[in-house]
Amino acid sequence: MTDRINIFIDNGVADVRLVREDKMNALDDAMFARLISAAEEINADKSVRVVVLSGQGRAFCAGLDMGNFGKMAEGGPKDDSAAGGRLTPRTHGIANRAQQAVWGWHSLRVPVIAAVHGVALGGGFQVALGADIRIVHPETKLSILEVKWGLVPDMSSTAIMRRLAREDIIRELTYTGRIFSGTQALEYGFATKLSETPYEDAMNLARLIAEKSPSAVQAAKKLYNEIGDKSDAEALQAESVVQDKLMGSKNQIEAVMAGLQKRAGKFVDE
């Protein structure tokens, strides 16, 4: 299914591009499947230290393919390949298939940077939410669009958005489905930074991260993913457990030596 997503790996950076340009990278069944399988492939490749997720052509992702709405109008689910034809069964750990297309990137062992331009509407906005960091062109058009189709936000977005933006902002955008700009996305908390060249800036940031100890970076991502809903005491304990595992490890010692000797680290991928 390389007609949906292409992956190029160089020096620890996986350049992952949605390539359904004629449909502005809209989400059809094949794109859902490829989003899931691409995350699985990268997770299994220990040489990958960071991911840049982008859309080729005019847009990041225009959201759900219009053909899927015809199915829903006939009473079918948004993701008609979910177990039993419904969304409530868990088909991928804690997620259903549609949710895994986003949650798979959120839970990936390495950081994900989304370079967002053009449009990121509905499901496209939710795919961007799966990234750790979002670099967004200021004129990008974004929307929590589901209310237009009589639905609520899904694809795991409700679990992720609550950690990024104020609840009243999320509610207003959900209830109205209005389009907002990349500039507003930064104000709301959905964008990490604005850029006139989001893909180039994302790649530069990815290369910087790839130079750091992969053990420390991946441990930090896992730690942040786990402590979001924990108490202060639980978060402090989790932090200590992770630090104990890192201290004295091969990559941690190499990080210290590289810093003292003012040279690039020579890390191993574990």
C-alpha atoms as a PDB file:
ATOM      1  CA  MET A   1       0.000   0.000   0.000  1.00  0.00           C
ATOM      2  CA  THR A   2       2.812   2.388  -0.865  1.00  0.00           C
ATOM      3  CA  ASP A   3       0.246   4.460  -2.772  1.00  0.00           C
ATOM      4  CA  ARG A   4      -0.906   5.849   0.590  1.00  0.00           C
ATOM      5  CA  ILE A   5       2.256   6.390   2.683  1.00  0.00           C
ATOM      6  CA  ASN A   6       5.943   6.419   1.765  1.00  0.00           C
ATOM      7  CA  ILE A   7       8.725   5.969   4.318  1.00  0.00           C
ATOM      8  CA  PHE A   8      12.313   7.130   3.814  1.00  0.00           C
ATOM      9  CA  ILE A   9      14.854   6.467   6.578  1.00  0.00           C
ATOM     10  CA  ASP A  10      18.159   8.311   6.835  1.00  0.00           C
ATOM     11  CA  ASN A  11      20.492   8.660   9.842  1.00  0.00           C
ATOM     12  CA  GLY A  12      17.813   7.649  12.319  1.00  0.00           C
ATOM     13  CA  VAL A  13      15.099   9.932  10.898  1.00  0.00           C
ATOM     14  CA  ALA A  14      12.019   8.324   9.334  1.00  0.00           C
ATOM     15  CA  ASP A  15      10.455  10.686   6.797  1.00  0.00           C
ATOM     16  CA  VAL A  16       6.830   9.472   6.643  1.00  0.00           C
ATOM     17  CA  ARG A  17       4.669  11.075   3.962  1.00  0.00           C
ATOM     18  CA  LEU A  18       0.989  10.709   3.189  1.00  0.00           C
ATOM     19  CA  VAL A  19       0.988  10.516  -0.607  1.00  0.00           C
ATOM     20  CA  ARG A  20      -2.635  10.475  -1.750  1.00  0.00           C
ATOM     21  CA  GLU A  21      -2.170  13.892  -3.343  1.00  0.00           C
ATOM     22  CA  ASP A  22      -5.159  13.792  -5.700  1.00  0.00           C
ATOM     23  CA  LYS A  23      -7.475  13.550  -2.661  1.00  0.00           C
ATOM     24  CA  MET A  24      -5.481  15.901  -0.411  1.00  0.00           C
ATOM     25  CA  ASN A  25      -4.388  12.803   1.533  1.00  0.00           C
ATOM     26  CA  ALA A  26      -7.954  12.041   2.658  1.00  0.00           C
ATOM     27  CA  LEU A  27      -8.539   9.009   4.875  1.00  0.00           C
ATOM     28  CA  ASP A  28      -9.994   6.032   3.050  1.00  0.00           C
ATOM     29  CA  ASP A  29      -9.814   2.433   4.255  1.00  0.00           C
ATOM     30  CA  ALA A  30      -6.402   1.911   2.648  1.00  0.00           C
ATOM     31  CA  MET A  31      -5.032   5.037   4.373  1.00  0.00           C
ATOM     32  CA  PHE A  32      -6.321   3.847   7.750  1.00  0.00           C
ATOM     33  CA  ALA A  33      -4.623   0.486   7.180  1.00  0.00           C
ATOM     34  CA  ARG A  34      -1.364   2.098   6.082  1.00  0.00           C
ATOM     35  CA  LEU A  35      -1.254   4.523   9.018  1.00  0.00           C
ATOM     36  CA  ILE A  36      -1.446   1.530  11.335  1.00  0.00           C
ATOM     37  CA  SER A  37       1.036  -0.655   9.469  1.00  0.00           C
ATOM     38  CA  ALA A  38       3.534   2.194   8.983  1.00  0.00           C
ATOM     39  CA  ALA A  39       3.626   2.838  12.740  1.00  0.00           C
ATOM     40  CA  GLU A  40       4.135  -0.884  13.356  1.00  0.00           C
ATOM     41  CA  GLU A  41       7.000  -1.034  10.843  1.00  0.00           C
ATOM     42  CA  ILE A  42       8.761   1.934  12.398  1.00  0.00           C
ATOM     43  CA  ASN A  43       8.270   0.625  15.912  1.00  0.00           C
ATOM     44  CA  ALA A  44      10.026  -2.599  14.906  1.00  0.00           C
ATOM     45  CA  ASP A  45      12.953  -0.804  13.231  1.00  0.00           C
ATOM     46  CA  LYS A  46      15.478  -0.053  15.967  1.00  0.00           C
ATOM     47  CA  SER A  47      17.472   2.202  13.624  1.00  0.00           C
ATOM     48  CA  VAL A  48      14.666   4.797  13.695  1.00  0.00           C
ATOM     49  CA  ARG A  49      15.106   7.417  16.421  1.00  0.00           C
ATOM     50  CA  VAL A  50      12.547  10.041  15.373  1.00  0.00           C
ATOM     51  CA  VAL A  51       9.725  10.432  12.833  1.00  0.00           C
ATOM     52  CA  VAL A  52       8.600  13.349  10.688  1.00  0.00           C
ATOM     53  CA  LEU A  53       4.981  12.902   9.587  1.00  0.00           C
ATOM     54  CA  SER A  54       3.798  15.092   6.716  1.00  0.00           C
ATOM     55  CA  GLY A  55       1.414  15.241   3.788  1.00  0.00           C
ATOM     56  CA  GLN A  56       2.676  15.482   0.228  1.00  0.00           C
ATOM     57  CA  GLY A  57       1.105  18.043  -2.083  1.00  0.00           C
ATOM     58  CA  ARG A  58      -1.312  20.795  -1.112  1.00  0.00           C
ATOM     59  CA  ALA A  59      -2.356  19.524   2.304  1.00  0.00           C
ATOM     60  CA  PHE A  60      -1.466  17.535   5.376  1.00  0.00           C
ATOM     61  CA  CYS A  61      -4.774  15.646   5.393  1.00  0.00           C
ATOM     62  CA  ALA A  62      -8.272  16.722   4.366  1.00  0.00           C
ATOM     63  CA  GLY A  63      -9.973  14.281   6.745  1.00  0.00           C
ATOM     64  CA  LEU A  64     -12.282  11.380   6.034  1.00  0.00           C
ATOM     65  CA  ASP A  65     -12.781  10.457   2.388  1.00  0.00           C
ATOM     66  CA  MET A  66     -16.208  11.592   1.213  1.00  0.00           C
ATOM     67  CA  GLY A  67     -17.061   8.051   0.153  1.00  0.00           C
ATOM     68  CA  ASN A  68     -17.156   7.034   3.808  1.00  0.00           C
ATOM     69  CA  PHE A  69     -19.935   9.509   4.558  1.00  0.00           C
ATOM     70  CA  GLY A  70     -22.189   7.761   2.066  1.00  0.00           C
ATOM     71  CA  LYS A  71     -21.723   4.554   4.055  1.00  0.00           C
ATOM     72  CA  MET A  72     -22.635   6.352   7.269  1.00  0.00           C
ATOM     73  CA  ALA A  73     -25.743   7.845   5.689  1.00  0.00           C
ATOM     74  CA  GLU A  74     -26.803   4.264   5.005  1.00  0.00           C
ATOM     75  CA  GLY A  75     -26.296   3.386   8.657  1.00  0.00           C
ATOM     76  CA  GLY A  76     -22.758   2.022   8.510  1.00  0.00           C
ATOM     77  CA  PRO A  77     -19.998   2.966  10.962  1.00  0.00           C
ATOM     78  CA  LYS A  78     -17.254   5.498  10.266  1.00  0.00           C
ATOM     79  CA  ASP A  79     -14.723   2.689  10.106  1.00  0.00           C
ATOM     80  CA  ASP A  80     -16.601  -0.209   8.528  1.00  0.00           C
ATOM     81  CA  SER A  81     -13.723  -2.630   8.979  1.00  0.00           C
ATOM     82  CA  ALA A  82     -13.814  -2.506  12.777  1.00  0.00           C
ATOM     83  CA  ALA A  83     -14.537  -5.780  14.556  1.00  0.00           C
ATOM     84  CA  GLY A  84     -18.150  -6.754  14.045  1.00  0.00           C
ATOM     85  CA  GLY A  85     -18.711  -3.624  11.947  1.00  0.00           C
ATOM     86  CA  ARG A  86     -18.871  -1.445  15.064  1.00  0.00           C
ATOM     87  CA  LEU A  87     -16.428   0.760  16.958  1.00  0.00           C
ATOM     88  CA  THR A  88     -16.803  -0.383  20.568  1.00  0.00           C
ATOM     89  CA  PRO A  89     -14.818  -3.646  20.270  1.00  0.00           C
ATOM     90  CA  ARG A  90     -11.120  -3.157  21.070  1.00  0.00           C
ATOM     91  CA  THR A  91      -9.137  -4.475  18.118  1.00  0.00           C
ATOM     92  CA  HIS A  92      -5.709  -2.950  18.901  1.00  0.00           C
ATOM     93  CA  GLY A  93      -4.994  -3.063  22.626  1.00  0.00           C
ATOM     94  CA  ILE A  94      -6.992  -0.233  24.203  1.00  0.00           C
ATOM     95  CA  ALA A  95      -8.074   1.126  20.803  1.00  0.00           C
ATOM     96  CA  ASN A  96     -10.333   0.252  17.901  1.00  0.00           C
ATOM     97  CA  ARG A  97      -8.950   0.278  14.355  1.00  0.00           C
ATOM     98  CA  ALA A  98      -9.768   3.921  13.578  1.00  0.00           C
ATOM     99  CA  GLN A  99      -8.327   5.057  16.897  1.00  0.00           C
ATOM    100  CA  GLN A 100      -5.153   3.050  16.299  1.00  0.00           C
ATOM    101  CA  ALA A 101      -4.447   5.093  13.151  1.00  0.00           C
ATOM    102  CA  VAL A 102      -3.664   7.961  15.557  1.00  0.00           C
ATOM    103  CA  TRP A 103      -2.915   6.196  18.850  1.00  0.00           C
ATOM    104  CA  GLY A 104      -0.262   4.082  17.132  1.00  0.00           C
ATOM    105  CA  TRP A 105       1.790   7.253  16.555  1.00  0.00           C
ATOM    106  CA  HIS A 106       1.046   8.669  19.995  1.00  0.00           C
ATOM    107  CA  SER A 107       2.274   5.462  21.637  1.00  0.00           C
ATOM    108  CA  LEU A 108       5.186   4.891  19.247  1.00  0.00           C
ATOM    109  CA  ARG A 109       8.472   4.274  21.087  1.00  0.00           C
ATOM    110  CA  VAL A 110      10.161   7.250  19.322  1.00  0.00           C
ATOM    111  CA  PRO A 111       9.121  10.920  19.053  1.00  0.00           C
ATOM    112  CA  VAL A 112       6.888  11.980  16.167  1.00  0.00           C
ATOM    113  CA  ILE A 113       6.960  15.486  14.669  1.00  0.00           C
ATOM    114  CA  ALA A 114       4.026  16.470  12.447  1.00  0.00           C
ATOM    115  CA  ALA A 115       4.677  19.058   9.726  1.00  0.00           C
ATOM    116  CA  VAL A 116       1.228  20.490   9.014  1.00  0.00           C
ATOM    117  CA  HIS A 117       0.262  22.669   6.054  1.00  0.00           C
ATOM    118  CA  GLY A 118      -2.729  23.347   3.809  1.00  0.00           C
ATOM    119  CA  VAL A 119      -5.581  21.707   5.681  1.00  0.00           C
ATOM    120  CA  ALA A 120      -5.897  19.325   8.625  1.00  0.00           C
ATOM    121  CA  LEU A 121      -9.638  18.819   8.975  1.00  0.00           C
ATOM    122  CA  GLY A 122     -11.533  16.306  11.097  1.00  0.00           C
ATOM    123  CA  GLY A 123      -9.632  13.035  10.908  1.00  0.00           C
ATOM    124  CA  GLY A 124      -6.675  14.895   9.424  1.00  0.00           C
ATOM    125  CA  PHE A 125      -6.478  17.117  12.494  1.00  0.00           C
ATOM    126  CA  GLN A 126      -6.669  13.999  14.642  1.00  0.00           C
ATOM    127  CA  VAL A 127      -3.775  12.355  12.782  1.00  0.00           C
ATOM    128  CA  ALA A 128      -1.687  15.446  13.586  1.00  0.00           C
ATOM    129  CA  LEU A 129      -2.670  15.089  17.248  1.00  0.00           C
ATOM    130  CA  GLY A 130      -0.925  11.704  17.305  1.00  0.00           C
ATOM    131  CA  ALA A 131       2.434  13.482  17.062  1.00  0.00           C
ATOM    132  CA  ASP A 132       4.504  14.607  20.047  1.00  0.00           C
ATOM    133  CA  ILE A 133       5.238  17.942  18.360  1.00  0.00           C
ATOM    134  CA  ARG A 134       3.279  19.838  15.694  1.00  0.00           C
ATOM    135  CA  ILE A 135       4.994  22.429  13.479  1.00  0.00           C
ATOM    136  CA  VAL A 136       2.207  24.240  11.626  1.00  0.00           C
ATOM    137  CA  HIS A 137       2.080  26.771   8.821  1.00  0.00           C
ATOM    138  CA  PRO A 138       0.239  29.851  10.132  1.00  0.00           C
ATOM    139  CA  GLU A 139      -2.307  29.781   7.297  1.00  0.00           C
ATOM    140  CA  THR A 140      -3.206  26.104   7.734  1.00  0.00           C
ATOM    141  CA  LYS A 141      -6.943  25.472   8.061  1.00  0.00           C
ATOM    142  CA  LEU A 142      -7.800  23.096  10.915  1.00  0.00           C
ATOM    143  CA  SER A 143     -11.061  21.891  12.407  1.00  0.00           C
ATOM    144  CA  ILE A 144     -12.641  19.464  14.828  1.00  0.00           C
ATOM    145  CA  LEU A 145     -15.156  18.838  12.089  1.00  0.00           C
ATOM    146  CA  GLU A 146     -17.163  15.822  13.271  1.00  0.00           C
ATOM    147  CA  VAL A 147     -20.251  17.738  14.381  1.00  0.00           C
ATOM    148  CA  LYS A 148     -20.850  18.672  10.715  1.00  0.00           C
ATOM    149  CA  TRP A 149     -21.531  14.986  10.086  1.00  0.00           C
ATOM    150  CA  GLY A 150     -23.525  14.428  13.285  1.00  0.00           C
ATOM    151  CA  LEU A 151     -20.610  12.808  15.125  1.00  0.00           C
ATOM    152  CA  VAL A 152     -18.293  13.451  18.075  1.00  0.00           C
ATOM    153  CA  PRO A 153     -14.487  13.657  17.823  1.00  0.00           C
ATOM    154  CA  ASP A 154     -12.925  10.202  17.804  1.00  0.00           C
ATOM    155  CA  MET A 155      -9.799   8.459  16.464  1.00  0.00           C
ATOM    156  CA  SER A 156      -8.435   8.852  20.038  1.00  0.00           C
ATOM    157  CA  SER A 157      -8.534  12.652  19.834  1.00  0.00           C
ATOM    158  CA  THR A 158     -10.598  13.148  23.005  1.00  0.00           C
ATOM    159  CA  ALA A 159      -7.903  11.415  25.061  1.00  0.00           C
ATOM    160  CA  ILE A 160      -5.133  13.523  23.510  1.00  0.00           C
ATOM    161  CA  MET A 161      -6.784  16.958  23.220  1.00  0.00           C
ATOM    162  CA  ARG A 162      -7.559  17.204  26.931  1.00  0.00           C
ATOM    163  CA  ARG A 163      -3.812  17.294  27.611  1.00  0.00           C
ATOM    164  CA  LEU A 164      -3.144  20.062  25.077  1.00  0.00           C
ATOM    165  CA  ALA A 165      -5.873  22.692  25.320  1.00  0.00           C
ATOM    166  CA  ARG A 166      -8.327  24.181  27.795  1.00  0.00           C
ATOM    167  CA  GLU A 167     -11.557  22.261  28.104  1.00  0.00           C
ATOM    168  CA  ASP A 168     -13.740  25.231  27.151  1.00  0.00           C
ATOM    169  CA  ILE A 169     -11.762  25.733  23.927  1.00  0.00           C
ATOM    170  CA  ILE A 170     -12.082  22.061  23.029  1.00  0.00           C
ATOM    171  CA  ARG A 171     -15.807  22.193  23.727  1.00  0.00           C
ATOM    172  CA  GLU A 172     -16.380  25.324  21.626  1.00  0.00           C
ATOM    173  CA  LEU A 173     -14.462  23.932  18.654  1.00  0.00           C
ATOM    174  CA  THR A 174     -16.263  20.583  19.008  1.00  0.00           C
ATOM    175  CA  TYR A 175     -19.754  22.101  19.272  1.00  0.00           C
ATOM    176  CA  THR A 176     -19.288  24.443  16.301  1.00  0.00           C
ATOM    177  CA  GLY A 177     -16.929  22.539  14.002  1.00  0.00           C
ATOM    178  CA  ARG A 178     -15.548  25.918  12.932  1.00  0.00           C
ATOM    179  CA  ILE A 179     -12.307  26.187  10.992  1.00  0.00           C
ATOM    180  CA  PHE A 180      -9.382  27.838  12.770  1.00  0.00           C
ATOM    181  CA  SER A 181      -5.950  28.874  11.529  1.00  0.00           C
ATOM    182  CA  GLY A 182      -2.494  27.624  12.356  1.00  0.00           C
ATOM    183  CA  THR A 183      -1.949  30.882  14.227  1.00  0.00           C
ATOM    184  CA  GLN A 184      -5.006  30.161  16.358  1.00  0.00           C
ATOM    185  CA  ALA A 185      -3.862  26.553  16.828  1.00  0.00           C
ATOM    186  CA  LEU A 186      -0.726  27.888  18.502  1.00  0.00           C
ATOM    187  CA  GLU A 187      -2.825  30.134  20.733  1.00  0.00           C
ATOM    188  CA  TYR A 188      -5.108  27.231  21.701  1.00  0.00           C
ATOM    189  CA  GLY A 189      -2.274  24.824  22.455  1.00  0.00           C
ATOM    190  CA  PHE A 190      -2.600  22.456  19.484  1.00  0.00           C
ATOM    191  CA  ALA A 191       0.469  23.736  17.608  1.00  0.00           C
ATOM    192  CA  THR A 192       3.939  23.604  19.126  1.00  0.00           C
ATOM    193  CA  LYS A 193       5.296  26.347  16.855  1.00  0.00           C
ATOM    194  CA  LEU A 194       4.472  28.140  13.617  1.00  0.00           C
ATOM    195  CA  SER A 195       6.617  28.017  10.518  1.00  0.00           C
ATOM    196  CA  GLU A 196       6.483  29.217   6.939  1.00  0.00           C
ATOM    197  CA  THR A 197       8.399  26.012   6.098  1.00  0.00           C
ATOM    198  CA  PRO A 198       7.004  23.365   8.477  1.00  0.00           C
ATOM    199  CA  TYR A 199       8.465  20.332   6.710  1.00  0.00           C
ATOM    200  CA  GLU A 200      11.991  21.762   6.590  1.00  0.00           C
ATOM    201  CA  ASP A 201      11.820  22.869  10.226  1.00  0.00           C
ATOM    202  CA  ALA A 202      10.449  19.487  11.275  1.00  0.00           C
ATOM    203  CA  MET A 203      13.306  17.690   9.530  1.00  0.00           C
ATOM    204  CA  ASN A 204      15.882  19.976  11.173  1.00  0.00           C
ATOM    205  CA  LEU A 205      14.369  19.338  14.591  1.00  0.00           C
ATOM    206  CA  ALA A 206      14.251  15.591  13.899  1.00  0.00           C
ATOM    207  CA  ARG A 207      17.958  15.535  13.020  1.00  0.00           C
ATOM    208  CA  LEU A 208      18.742  17.349  16.263  1.00  0.00           C
ATOM    209  CA  ILE A 209      16.770  14.802  18.297  1.00  0.00           C
ATOM    210  CA  ALA A 210      18.349  11.902  16.392  1.00  0.00           C
ATOM    211  CA  GLU A 211      21.788  13.052  17.586  1.00  0.00           C
ATOM    212  CA  LYS A 212      20.806  12.543  21.242  1.00  0.00           C
ATOM    213  CA  SER A 213      20.881   9.296  23.215  1.00  0.00           C
ATOM    214  CA  PRO A 214      17.978   7.238  21.828  1.00  0.00           C
ATOM    215  CA  SER A 215      17.661   5.486  25.187  1.00  0.00           C
ATOM    216  CA  ALA A 216      17.052   8.790  26.987  1.00  0.00           C
ATOM    217  CA  VAL A 217      14.715  10.214  24.332  1.00  0.00           C
ATOM    218  CA  GLN A 218      12.571   7.076  24.151  1.00  0.00           C
ATOM    219  CA  ALA A 219      12.469   6.739  27.939  1.00  0.00           C
ATOM    220  CA  ALA A 220      11.336  10.366  28.197  1.00  0.00           C
ATOM    221  CA  LYS A 221       8.512   9.822  25.703  1.00  0.00           C
ATOM    222  CA  LYS A 222       7.350   6.702  27.527  1.00  0.00           C
ATOM    223  CA  LEU A 223       7.493   8.538  30.849  1.00  0.00           C
ATOM    224  CA  TYR A 224       5.467  11.524  29.604  1.00  0.00           C
ATOM    225  CA  ASN A 225       2.887   9.222  28.015  1.00  0.00           C
ATOM    226  CA  GLU A 226       2.426   7.331  31.280  1.00  0.00           C
ATOM    227  CA  ILE A 227       2.286  10.095  33.886  1.00  0.00           C
ATOM    228  CA  GLY A 228      -0.437  12.280  32.358  1.00  0.00           C
ATOM    229  CA  ASP A 229      -3.182  11.075  34.697  1.00  0.00           C
ATOM    230  CA  LYS A 230      -1.041   9.965  37.632  1.00  0.00           C
ATOM    231  CA  SER A 231      -0.806  11.654  41.025  1.00  0.00           C
ATOM    232  CA  ASP A 232       2.270  13.696  41.881  1.00  0.00           C
ATOM    233  CA  ALA A 233       3.574  10.867  44.045  1.00  0.00           C
ATOM    234  CA  GLU A 234       3.106   8.328  41.240  1.00  0.00           C
ATOM    235  CA  ALA A 235       4.762  10.642  38.704  1.00  0.00           C
ATOM    236  CA  LEU A 236       7.770  11.215  40.947  1.00  0.00           C
ATOM    237  CA  GLN A 237       8.156   7.487  41.503  1.00  0.00           C
ATOM    238  CA  ALA A 238       7.877   6.737  37.777  1.00  0.00           C
ATOM    239  CA  GLU A 239      10.532   9.377  37.055  1.00  0.00           C
ATOM    240  CA  SER A 240      12.906   7.744  39.549  1.00  0.00           C
ATOM    241  CA  VAL A 241      12.365   4.262  38.137  1.00  0.00           C
ATOM    242  CA  VAL A 242      13.204   5.454  34.623  1.00  0.00           C
ATOM    243  CA  GLN A 243      16.264   7.386  35.785  1.00  0.00           C
ATOM    244  CA  ASP A 244      17.605   4.366  37.692  1.00  0.00           C
ATOM    245  CA  LYS A 245      17.459   2.308  34.504  1.00  0.00           C
ATOM    246  CA  LEU A 246      19.306   4.953  32.470  1.00  0.00           C
ATOM    247  CA  MET A 247      22.079   5.814  34.909  1.00  0.00           C
ATOM    248  CA  GLY A 248      25.227   3.860  34.163  1.00  0.00           C
ATOM    249  CA  SER A 249      23.871   2.406  30.919  1.00  0.00           C
ATOM    250  CA  LYS A 250      26.059   2.311  27.817  1.00  0.00           C
ATOM    251  CA  ASN A 251      24.302   5.205  26.087  1.00  0.00           C
ATOM    252  CA  GLN A 252      24.200   7.312  29.246  1.00  0.00           C
ATOM    253  CA  ILE A 253      27.949   6.914  29.765  1.00  0.00           C
ATOM    254  CA  GLU A 254      28.531   7.743  26.100  1.00  0.00           C
ATOM    255  CA  ALA A 255      26.400  10.899  26.457  1.00  0.00           C
ATOM    256  CA  VAL A 256      28.558  12.049  29.378  1.00  0.00           C
ATOM    257  CA  MET A 257      31.813  11.284  27.550  1.00  0.00           C
ATOM    258  CA  ALA A 258      30.637  13.010  24.359  1.00  0.00           C
ATOM    259  CA  GLY A 259      29.669  16.089  26.352  1.00  0.00           C
ATOM    260  CA  LEU A 260      32.988  16.239  28.198  1.00  0.00           C
ATOM    261  CA  GLN A 261      34.967  15.692  25.005  1.00  0.00           C
ATOM    262  CA  LYS A 262      32.798  18.114  22.995  1.00  0.00           C
ATOM    263  CA  ARG A 263      32.043  15.612  20.231  1.00  0.00           C
ATOM    264  CA  ALA A 264      29.014  13.912  18.714  1.00  0.00           C
ATOM    265  CA  GLY A 265      27.771  10.905  20.644  1.00  0.00           C
ATOM    266  CA  LYS A 266      28.193   7.437  19.207  1.00  0.00           C
ATOM    267  CA  PHE A 267      25.038   5.794  20.488  1.00  0.00           C
ATOM    268  CA  VAL A 268      23.673   2.293  19.991  1.00  0.00           C
ATOM    269  CA  ASP A 269      20.072   1.579  19.006  1.00  0.00           C
ATOM    270  CA  GLU A 270      18.538  -0.881  21.426  1.00  0.00           C
END
